[in-house]
Amino acid sequence: MKVLIADDNPLDLSILKMTLEKWGYDVTACSDGNEALEEMNKPESPPLAILDWMMPGKTGPEICAGIRFQQSKQYTYVIILSSRTEKSDVISGMQSGADDYIDKPVDVNELQVRLRAGRRIIELQEDLIAAREELRLEATQDFLTEIPNRAAIMDFLNREFNRCMRTEGTMGVLMADIDKFKSINDTYGHPAGDAVLKDVAKRISETLREYDMVGRFGGEEFLFVVPDIELDDLKSMAERIRHIVCDTPIDITNSEITVTMSFGVSMFSLSATADKEILIGAADKALYNAKESGRNRVEVAETPMT
């Protein structure tokens, strides 16, 4: 585990660094407070910090206060070192946001025990963050295709729709459907159908811009939300995705399956689209027209009217 130590006494700093490295820590050593705070403000800063109270630049408590002010996700466990033993000094150090306080000269056995406690807290926090991220993914990600689920893509649509209403911006919606998907399941089996869905979702995701989003709307149907785009570019995007899906067969065990998709295109219009449901409905109707016109094609919705 990474740890930062800060002490303006070269001998104390050297001994502390060698001791911590002997215990297996990855040590960053600083000799003044400004340098220490700069290190702690970096994105990959150590989760443990041992700070001397009195240093050039910023003091240990000032560094600690700066860490707490900048802190976002990762928690930093901070130990203050000081020869000040008055109760008021200890209280002052802890009020700055420190987690622990050790008298100088440092007893290495005591420091080792205190660091062990700090490590347990950091590791517990990392476990909690990982569990929270897992829950977030379960709530927003489709378990099969690993793209956003219906709730997540609708949430993104709501936010982009509201943004367009405020800024008079542009936004496109694509509704897409894998053609004759039932026949894939009937011919090759449901595991093959699942493999097709996963492969199609992967191909689509690799095609989009970083600020676009696609989600599994239901079954073999996908909903795309495409901010800041004009109609011609949106149609071109749909055609490009269609070709990426249908031009290369999907490898399934002992088989290759050629898959095609149909697309319905709808554009946000401040004057005509007063409701996001109308926007989705227009794209869905255009998708239906694409299916009725022979599939494997892109159809554009008429301007949705309220």
Protein backbone atom coordinates (compact mmCIF):
# COMPACT_ATOMS: atom_id res chain seq x y z
CA MET A 1 0.00 0.00 0.00
CA LYS A 2 1.20 3.50 -0.83
CA VAL A 3 1.98 5.90 2.00
CA LEU A 4 3.19 9.49 2.03
CA ILE A 5 5.49 10.72 4.78
CA ALA A 6 6.37 14.36 5.36
CA ASP A 7 9.02 15.59 7.82
CA ASP A 8 11.53 18.43 7.53
CA ASN A 9 14.09 16.57 9.67
CA PRO A 10 16.25 14.62 7.17
CA LEU A 11 17.29 11.98 9.73
CA ASP A 12 13.75 11.35 10.98
CA LEU A 13 12.49 11.24 7.38
CA SER A 14 15.18 8.76 6.32
CA ILE A 15 14.61 6.44 9.29
CA LEU A 16 10.84 6.53 8.83
CA LYS A 17 11.17 5.81 5.10
CA MET A 18 13.47 2.83 5.64
CA THR A 19 11.22 1.45 8.38
CA LEU A 20 8.08 1.68 6.26
CA GLU A 21 9.76 0.14 3.23
CA LYS A 22 10.95 -2.71 5.43
CA TRP A 23 7.29 -3.29 6.35
CA GLY A 24 6.40 -3.47 2.66
CA TYR A 25 4.96 0.00 2.05
CA ASP A 26 5.47 1.99 -1.16
CA VAL A 27 6.76 5.27 0.28
CA THR A 28 6.64 8.82 -1.08
CA ALA A 29 8.82 11.10 1.08
CA CYS A 30 8.49 14.89 1.29
CA SER A 31 10.55 17.37 3.27
CA ASP A 32 8.11 20.30 3.37
CA GLY A 33 4.39 20.86 3.68
CA ASN A 34 3.77 22.44 0.29
CA GLU A 35 5.35 19.49 -1.51
CA ALA A 36 3.33 17.06 0.60
CA LEU A 37 0.01 18.74 -0.18
CA GLU A 38 0.88 18.85 -3.87
CA GLU A 39 1.52 15.09 -3.82
CA MET A 40 -1.72 14.42 -1.96
CA ASN A 41 -3.73 16.42 -4.50
CA LYS A 42 -2.59 14.20 -7.39
CA PRO A 43 -5.17 11.74 -8.82
CA GLU A 44 -3.31 8.62 -7.62
CA SER A 45 -2.31 9.98 -4.21
CA PRO A 46 -1.45 7.53 -1.40
CA PRO A 47 -4.37 6.45 0.81
CA LEU A 48 -2.15 6.75 3.92
CA ALA A 49 -0.30 9.88 5.07
CA ILE A 50 2.05 10.42 8.00
CA LEU A 51 2.61 14.14 8.57
CA ASP A 52 4.93 15.95 10.94
CA TRP A 53 3.21 18.87 12.65
CA MET A 54 5.87 21.56 12.14
CA MET A 55 7.35 21.90 8.63
CA PRO A 56 8.31 24.66 6.20
CA GLY A 57 5.40 25.73 4.06
CA LYS A 58 2.26 24.12 5.43
CA THR A 59 1.97 22.39 8.78
CA GLY A 60 0.69 18.85 9.20
CA PRO A 61 -2.79 20.02 10.29
CA GLU A 62 -2.94 22.47 7.37
CA ILE A 63 -2.05 19.68 4.94
CA CYS A 64 -4.71 17.49 6.51
CA ALA A 65 -7.32 20.23 6.16
CA GLY A 66 -6.30 20.65 2.51
CA ILE A 67 -6.66 16.91 1.91
CA ARG A 68 -10.14 16.88 3.41
CA PHE A 69 -11.16 19.93 1.36
CA GLN A 70 -10.06 18.31 -1.93
CA GLN A 71 -11.18 14.77 -1.11
CA SER A 72 -13.78 13.21 -3.38
CA LYS A 73 -14.03 9.41 -3.56
CA GLN A 74 -10.87 7.96 -2.06
CA TYR A 75 -10.46 8.43 1.66
CA THR A 76 -7.00 9.25 3.05
CA TYR A 77 -6.09 8.01 6.51
CA VAL A 78 -3.92 10.69 8.13
CA ILE A 79 -1.61 10.33 11.12
CA ILE A 80 -0.11 13.49 12.65
CA LEU A 81 3.33 13.27 14.33
CA SER A 82 4.27 15.87 16.92
CA SER A 83 6.26 16.46 20.09
CA ARG A 84 3.33 18.61 21.27
CA THR A 85 1.59 16.61 23.95
CA GLU A 86 -0.86 19.18 25.34
CA LYS A 87 -4.46 18.04 25.12
CA SER A 88 -5.37 21.24 23.26
CA ASP A 89 -2.77 20.44 20.57
CA VAL A 90 -4.08 16.91 20.15
CA ILE A 91 -7.63 18.26 19.81
CA SER A 92 -6.47 20.87 17.31
CA GLY A 93 -4.76 18.22 15.20
CA MET A 94 -7.80 15.97 15.20
CA GLN A 95 -10.12 18.86 14.37
CA SER A 96 -8.11 19.47 11.20
CA GLY A 97 -9.35 16.10 10.01
CA ALA A 98 -6.57 13.80 11.21
CA ASP A 99 -7.49 10.20 12.04
CA ASP A 100 -4.71 9.56 14.55
CA TYR A 101 -2.01 11.34 16.52
CA ILE A 102 1.38 9.93 17.61
CA ASP A 103 3.92 11.58 19.92
CA LYS A 104 7.49 12.14 18.79
CA PRO A 105 9.97 10.53 19.03
CA VAL A 106 7.98 7.82 17.30
CA ASP A 107 7.77 4.36 18.79
CA VAL A 108 7.98 2.10 15.73
CA ASN A 109 5.87 -0.64 17.32
CA GLU A 110 3.12 1.84 18.08
CA LEU A 111 3.34 3.25 14.54
CA GLN A 112 3.07 -0.23 13.04
CA VAL A 113 -0.09 -0.95 15.03
CA ARG A 114 -1.64 2.42 14.13
CA LEU A 115 -0.83 1.92 10.45
CA ARG A 116 -2.39 -1.53 10.54
CA ALA A 117 -5.61 0.05 11.82
CA GLY A 118 -5.45 2.64 9.04
CA ARG A 119 -4.95 -0.06 6.42
CA ARG A 120 -8.01 -1.93 7.65
CA ILE A 121 -10.12 1.20 7.31
CA ILE A 122 -8.80 1.93 3.80
CA GLU A 123 -9.34 -1.67 2.68
CA LEU A 124 -12.85 -1.65 4.14
CA GLN A 125 -13.62 1.54 2.23
CA GLU A 126 -12.30 0.00 -0.99
CA ASP A 127 -14.53 -3.03 -0.44
CA LEU A 128 -17.53 -0.75 0.12
CA ILE A 129 -16.79 1.25 -3.03
CA ALA A 130 -16.47 -1.96 -5.05
CA ALA A 131 -19.77 -3.25 -3.63
CA ARG A 132 -21.49 0.06 -4.39
CA GLU A 133 -20.16 -0.01 -7.97
CA GLU A 134 -21.39 -3.57 -8.38
CA LEU A 135 -24.85 -2.55 -7.18
CA ARG A 136 -24.83 0.45 -9.50
CA LEU A 137 -23.99 -1.77 -12.45
CA GLU A 138 -26.71 -4.24 -11.51
CA ALA A 139 -29.20 -1.38 -11.42
CA THR A 140 -28.17 0.26 -14.70
CA GLN A 141 -26.57 -2.43 -16.88
CA ASP A 142 -28.27 -5.12 -18.93
CA PHE A 143 -26.90 -8.40 -17.55
CA LEU A 144 -26.60 -10.10 -20.96
CA THR A 145 -25.28 -7.43 -23.33
CA GLU A 146 -23.45 -5.35 -20.68
CA ILE A 147 -24.80 -2.12 -22.16
CA PRO A 148 -27.20 0.21 -20.29
CA ASN A 149 -30.59 -1.28 -19.53
CA ARG A 150 -33.95 0.31 -20.30
CA ALA A 151 -34.04 2.36 -17.10
CA ALA A 152 -30.54 3.74 -17.68
CA ILE A 153 -31.05 4.69 -21.32
CA MET A 154 -34.39 6.34 -20.49
CA ASP A 155 -32.71 8.32 -17.71
CA PHE A 156 -30.09 9.51 -20.19
CA LEU A 157 -32.82 10.39 -22.69
CA ASN A 158 -34.66 12.41 -20.03
CA ARG A 159 -31.52 14.40 -19.18
CA GLU A 160 -30.64 15.08 -22.81
CA PHE A 161 -34.25 15.99 -23.65
CA ASN A 162 -34.37 18.50 -20.80
CA ARG A 163 -31.00 19.93 -21.89
CA CYS A 164 -32.32 20.43 -25.42
CA MET A 165 -35.42 22.15 -24.08
CA ARG A 166 -33.22 24.59 -22.13
CA THR A 167 -30.54 25.23 -24.75
CA GLU A 168 -32.50 24.70 -27.99
CA GLY A 169 -29.88 22.09 -28.87
CA THR A 170 -30.17 19.08 -31.14
CA MET A 171 -30.66 15.42 -30.30
CA GLY A 172 -31.41 12.35 -32.33
CA VAL A 173 -33.11 9.10 -31.36
CA LEU A 174 -32.66 5.76 -33.09
CA MET A 175 -34.86 2.74 -32.51
CA ALA A 176 -33.24 -0.42 -33.88
CA ASP A 177 -34.37 -4.01 -34.01
CA ILE A 178 -32.60 -7.22 -35.04
CA ASP A 179 -34.51 -8.61 -38.02
CA LYS A 180 -36.19 -12.01 -37.67
CA PHE A 181 -34.62 -12.62 -34.29
CA LYS A 182 -37.21 -15.23 -33.38
CA SER A 183 -36.06 -17.38 -36.30
CA ILE A 184 -32.49 -17.23 -34.96
CA ASN A 185 -33.70 -18.61 -31.63
CA ASP A 186 -35.88 -21.20 -33.34
CA THR A 187 -33.13 -22.36 -35.73
CA TYR A 188 -30.01 -22.20 -33.58
CA GLY A 189 -31.39 -22.16 -30.03
CA HIS A 190 -31.61 -19.50 -27.33
CA PRO A 191 -27.89 -19.66 -26.38
CA ALA A 192 -27.10 -18.69 -29.97
CA GLY A 193 -29.65 -15.89 -29.76
CA ASP A 194 -27.98 -14.61 -26.59
CA ALA A 195 -24.59 -14.72 -28.34
CA VAL A 196 -26.00 -12.71 -31.24
CA LEU A 197 -27.37 -10.05 -28.88
CA LYS A 198 -24.02 -9.76 -27.11
CA ASP A 199 -22.07 -9.51 -30.37
CA VAL A 200 -24.42 -6.92 -31.86
CA ALA A 201 -24.29 -4.82 -28.68
CA LYS A 202 -20.48 -4.96 -28.74
CA ARG A 203 -20.28 -3.88 -32.38
CA ILE A 204 -22.68 -1.02 -31.75
CA SER A 205 -20.87 0.21 -28.63
CA GLU A 206 -17.53 0.33 -30.46
CA THR A 207 -19.10 2.54 -33.15
CA LEU A 208 -20.59 5.31 -31.03
CA ARG A 209 -19.03 8.58 -29.96
CA GLU A 210 -18.08 8.78 -26.29
CA TYR A 211 -21.05 11.04 -25.49
CA ASP A 212 -23.67 8.93 -27.31
CA MET A 213 -25.48 6.10 -25.54
CA VAL A 214 -27.22 2.93 -26.58
CA GLY A 215 -29.33 0.76 -24.32
CA ARG A 216 -31.22 -2.49 -24.58
CA PHE A 217 -34.81 -1.30 -24.78
CA GLY A 218 -36.31 -4.75 -24.60
CA GLY A 219 -35.80 -8.14 -26.22
CA GLU A 220 -33.85 -7.58 -29.44
CA GLU A 221 -34.66 -3.85 -29.58
CA PHE A 222 -32.11 -1.07 -28.94
CA LEU A 223 -32.61 2.62 -28.20
CA PHE A 224 -29.91 5.14 -29.15
CA VAL A 225 -29.71 8.67 -27.76
CA VAL A 226 -27.42 10.86 -29.87
CA PRO A 227 -26.81 14.43 -28.63
CA ASP A 228 -25.59 17.35 -30.75
CA ILE A 229 -26.19 15.92 -34.22
CA GLU A 230 -27.99 16.93 -37.39
CA LEU A 231 -30.44 14.71 -39.26
CA ASP A 232 -28.14 13.84 -42.18
CA ASP A 233 -25.37 12.81 -39.79
CA LEU A 234 -27.83 10.78 -37.72
CA LYS A 235 -28.99 8.90 -40.82
CA SER A 236 -25.37 8.28 -41.78
CA MET A 237 -24.66 6.94 -38.30
CA ALA A 238 -27.62 4.55 -38.54
CA GLU A 239 -26.46 3.31 -41.96
CA ARG A 240 -22.92 2.83 -40.70
CA ILE A 241 -24.11 0.78 -37.72
CA ARG A 242 -26.40 -1.25 -39.97
CA HIS A 243 -23.46 -2.19 -42.19
CA ILE A 244 -21.20 -2.98 -39.22
CA VAL A 245 -23.83 -5.42 -37.98
CA CYS A 246 -24.84 -7.06 -41.27
CA ASP A 247 -21.64 -7.08 -43.36
CA THR A 248 -19.73 -9.52 -41.14
CA PRO A 249 -21.41 -12.78 -40.02
CA ILE A 250 -21.44 -13.62 -36.32
CA ASP A 251 -19.49 -16.73 -35.36
CA ILE A 252 -21.51 -19.16 -33.29
CA THR A 253 -20.31 -22.65 -32.41
CA ASN A 254 -19.99 -24.51 -35.74
CA SER A 255 -22.05 -21.85 -37.49
CA GLU A 256 -21.95 -18.34 -38.94
CA ILE A 257 -25.09 -16.26 -38.65
CA THR A 258 -25.70 -13.23 -40.85
CA VAL A 259 -27.71 -10.67 -38.92
CA THR A 260 -29.47 -7.59 -40.23
CA MET A 261 -31.06 -4.66 -38.40
CA SER A 262 -33.78 -2.15 -39.14
CA PHE A 263 -33.65 1.44 -37.86
CA GLY A 264 -36.14 4.20 -37.16
CA VAL A 265 -34.77 7.75 -36.94
CA SER A 266 -36.35 10.67 -35.08
CA MET A 267 -35.00 14.17 -34.34
CA PHE A 268 -35.75 16.48 -31.46
CA SER A 269 -37.56 19.63 -32.51
CA LEU A 270 -38.15 22.42 -30.01
CA SER A 271 -41.26 23.59 -31.84
CA ALA A 272 -42.74 20.14 -32.54
CA THR A 273 -41.44 17.77 -29.87
CA ALA A 274 -42.91 18.87 -26.59
CA ASP A 275 -42.82 15.39 -25.10
CA LYS A 276 -40.07 12.78 -25.15
CA GLU A 277 -42.67 10.04 -25.57
CA ILE A 278 -43.62 11.62 -28.90
CA LEU A 279 -39.94 11.54 -29.91
CA ILE A 280 -39.65 7.84 -29.06
CA GLY A 281 -43.00 7.08 -30.66
CA ALA A 282 -41.92 8.73 -33.91
CA ALA A 283 -38.71 6.67 -34.02
CA ASP A 284 -40.69 3.52 -33.23
CA LYS A 285 -43.15 4.24 -36.05
CA ALA A 286 -40.24 4.79 -38.43
CA LEU A 287 -38.79 1.45 -37.32
CA TYR A 288 -42.15 -0.21 -38.06
CA ASN A 289 -42.08 1.34 -41.54
CA ALA A 290 -38.56 -0.04 -42.07
CA LYS A 291 -39.80 -3.50 -41.13
CA GLU A 292 -42.82 -3.20 -43.43
CA SER A 293 -40.62 -1.99 -46.30
CA GLY A 294 -38.46 -5.11 -46.31
CA ARG A 295 -36.19 -4.84 -43.25
CA ASN A 296 -32.44 -4.15 -43.15
CA ARG A 297 -32.98 -0.47 -43.83
CA VAL A 298 -33.15 2.97 -42.21
CA GLU A 299 -36.37 4.97 -42.20
CA VAL A 300 -36.76 8.57 -40.99
CA ALA A 301 -39.79 9.66 -39.02
CA GLU A 302 -42.00 12.45 -40.16
CA THR A 303 -41.63 15.52 -37.94
CA PRO A 304 -43.47 14.54 -34.73
CA MET A 305 -46.31 16.91 -33.94
CA THR A 306 -48.02 17.44 -30.60
